C-alpha atoms as a PDB file:
ATOM      1  CA  MET A   1      92.306 110.767  91.741  1.00  0.00           C
ATOM      2  CA  LEU A   2      92.776 107.688  89.590  1.00  0.00           C
ATOM      3  CA  VAL A   3      91.674 107.545  85.985  1.00  0.00           C
ATOM      4  CA  THR A   4      89.919 104.597  84.326  1.00  0.00           C
ATOM      5  CA  ALA A   5      89.081 104.062  80.683  1.00  0.00           C
ATOM      6  CA  ALA A   6      85.400 103.397  81.338  1.00  0.00           C
ATOM      7  CA  SER A   7      84.538 106.450  83.391  1.00  0.00           C
ATOM      8  CA  GLY A   8      87.582 108.665  83.128  1.00  0.00           C
ATOM      9  CA  VAL A   9      87.776 108.761  86.917  1.00  0.00           C
ATOM     10  CA  ALA A  10      88.213 106.165  89.638  1.00  0.00           C
ATOM     11  CA  PRO A  11      85.527 105.887  92.280  1.00  0.00           C
ATOM     12  CA  ARG A  12      85.899 108.717  94.757  1.00  0.00           C
ATOM     13  CA  ARG A  13      86.907 107.558  98.199  1.00  0.00           C
ATOM     14  CA  ARG A  14      83.765 108.957  99.769  1.00  0.00           C
ATOM     15  CA  ASP A  15      81.653 106.991  97.266  1.00  0.00           C
ATOM     16  CA  LEU A  16      83.611 103.837  97.989  1.00  0.00           C
ATOM     17  CA  ASP A  17      83.285 104.429 101.728  1.00  0.00           C
ATOM     18  CA  PHE A  18      79.543 104.931 101.332  1.00  0.00           C
ATOM     19  CA  GLN A  19      79.173 101.654  99.427  1.00  0.00           C
ATOM     20  CA  LEU A  20      81.314  99.670 101.840  1.00  0.00           C
ATOM     21  CA  PHE A  21      80.211 101.093 105.158  1.00  0.00           C
ATOM     22  CA  ASP A  22      76.640 102.289 104.578  1.00  0.00           C
ATOM     23  CA  VAL A  23      75.279 100.042 101.838  1.00  0.00           C
ATOM     24  CA  LEU A  24      77.165  96.797 102.464  1.00  0.00           C
ATOM     25  CA  ASP A  25      77.684  97.387 106.208  1.00  0.00           C
ATOM     26  CA  VAL A  26      81.203  95.961 106.100  1.00  0.00           C
ATOM     27  CA  GLU A  27      81.562  96.988 109.743  1.00  0.00           C
ATOM     28  CA  ALA A  28      79.261  94.080 110.587  1.00  0.00           C
ATOM     29  CA  LEU A  29      82.228  91.850 109.745  1.00  0.00           C
ATOM     30  CA  LEU A  30      84.234  93.640 112.407  1.00  0.00           C
ATOM     31  CA  ARG A  31      81.788  92.413 115.025  1.00  0.00           C
ATOM     32  CA  LEU A  32      82.743  88.812 114.240  1.00  0.00           C
ATOM     33  CA  PRO A  33      85.406  87.299 116.493  1.00  0.00           C
ATOM     34  CA  TYR A  34      87.754  86.617 113.562  1.00  0.00           C
ATOM     35  CA  PHE A  35      87.948  90.335 112.699  1.00  0.00           C
ATOM     36  CA  ALA A  36      87.691  91.714 116.239  1.00  0.00           C
ATOM     37  CA  GLU A  37      91.175  93.242 116.217  1.00  0.00           C
ATOM     38  CA  HIS A  38      90.259  95.481 113.271  1.00  0.00           C
ATOM     39  CA  ASP A  39      88.152  98.622 113.102  1.00  0.00           C
ATOM     40  CA  ARG A  40      87.008 101.193 110.566  1.00  0.00           C
ATOM     41  CA  ALA A  41      90.377 102.959 110.821  1.00  0.00           C
ATOM     42  CA  THR A  42      92.128  99.719 109.822  1.00  0.00           C
ATOM     43  CA  LEU A  43      89.918  99.394 106.754  1.00  0.00           C
ATOM     44  CA  ALA A  44      90.415 103.065 105.883  1.00  0.00           C
ATOM     45  CA  GLY A  45      94.184 102.614 106.114  1.00  0.00           C
ATOM     46  CA  VAL A  46      94.073  99.661 103.721  1.00  0.00           C
ATOM     47  CA  LEU A  47      91.968 101.647 101.250  1.00  0.00           C
ATOM     48  CA  ASP A  48      94.294 104.656 101.538  1.00  0.00           C
ATOM     49  CA  ALA A  49      97.305 102.446 100.817  1.00  0.00           C
ATOM     50  CA  ALA A  50      95.546 100.796  97.866  1.00  0.00           C
ATOM     51  CA  TYR A  51      94.660 104.183  96.367  1.00  0.00           C
ATOM     52  CA  GLU A  52      98.260 105.361  96.792  1.00  0.00           C
ATOM     53  CA  VAL A  53      99.729 102.239  95.162  1.00  0.00           C
ATOM     54  CA  ALA A  54      97.212 102.383  92.319  1.00  0.00           C
ATOM     55  CA  GLY A  55      97.897 106.070  91.735  1.00  0.00           C
ATOM     56  CA  ASP A  56     101.668 105.696  91.825  1.00  0.00           C
ATOM     57  CA  TYR A  57     102.120 102.442  89.928  1.00  0.00           C
ATOM     58  CA  PHE A  58      99.047 101.609  87.847  1.00  0.00           C
ATOM     59  CA  ALA A  59      97.436 104.892  86.836  1.00  0.00           C
ATOM     60  CA  PRO A  60     100.429 106.206  84.835  1.00  0.00           C
ATOM     61  CA  SER A  61     100.175 103.307  82.353  1.00  0.00           C
ATOM     62  CA  ALA A  62      96.397 102.712  82.516  1.00  0.00           C
ATOM     63  CA  ALA A  63      95.564 104.367  79.190  1.00  0.00           C
ATOM     64  CA  GLU A  64      98.346 102.495  77.388  1.00  0.00           C
ATOM     65  CA  LEU A  65      97.275  99.169  78.887  1.00  0.00           C
ATOM     66  CA  ASP A  66      93.615  99.773  78.041  1.00  0.00           C
ATOM     67  CA  ALA A  67      94.474 100.604  74.436  1.00  0.00           C
ATOM     68  CA  PHE A  68      96.979  97.777  73.939  1.00  0.00           C
ATOM     69  CA  GLY A  69      94.673  94.768  73.837  1.00  0.00           C
ATOM     70  CA  PHE A  70      96.774  91.900  75.158  1.00  0.00           C
ATOM     71  CA  ARG A  71      97.260  88.997  72.782  1.00  0.00           C
ATOM     72  CA  LEU A  72      98.916  85.606  72.701  1.00  0.00           C
ATOM     73  CA  GLU A  73     102.060  85.455  70.538  1.00  0.00           C
ATOM     74  CA  ASN A  74     104.053  82.244  70.203  1.00  0.00           C
ATOM     75  CA  GLY A  75     102.508  80.863  73.398  1.00  0.00           C
ATOM     76  CA  GLU A  76     103.269  83.961  75.476  1.00  0.00           C
ATOM     77  CA  VAL A  77     101.189  86.992  76.370  1.00  0.00           C
ATOM     78  CA  ALA A  78     102.409  90.093  74.560  1.00  0.00           C
ATOM     79  CA  THR A  79     102.745  93.100  76.873  1.00  0.00           C
ATOM     80  CA  THR A  80     103.288  96.802  76.398  1.00  0.00           C
ATOM     81  CA  SER A  81     106.752  98.295  76.745  1.00  0.00           C
ATOM     82  CA  SER A  82     105.824  99.823  80.112  1.00  0.00           C
ATOM     83  CA  GLU A  83     104.682  96.447  81.438  1.00  0.00           C
ATOM     84  CA  SER A  84     107.758  94.546  80.328  1.00  0.00           C
ATOM     85  CA  ALA A  85     110.036  97.239  81.787  1.00  0.00           C
ATOM     86  CA  GLY A  86     108.425  96.909  85.250  1.00  0.00           C
END
């Protein structure tokens, strides 16, 4: 599970699924001709991949980035050591 500064925990997948599929009825989009080749499994796969990327690449430095407070120095944005190493 991903960690965020605000809540300490990223939205659980089941909560995100509930919001997208039950509250917002995102599957209604899939009934439009433009999205006809996609289904709920396609959307779930995209969300799974996004969670994996976020967990592997963003979560490890999230606390450092939240605490850093980006600033402009000599016309350039100052970054943390983990960001500039990436």
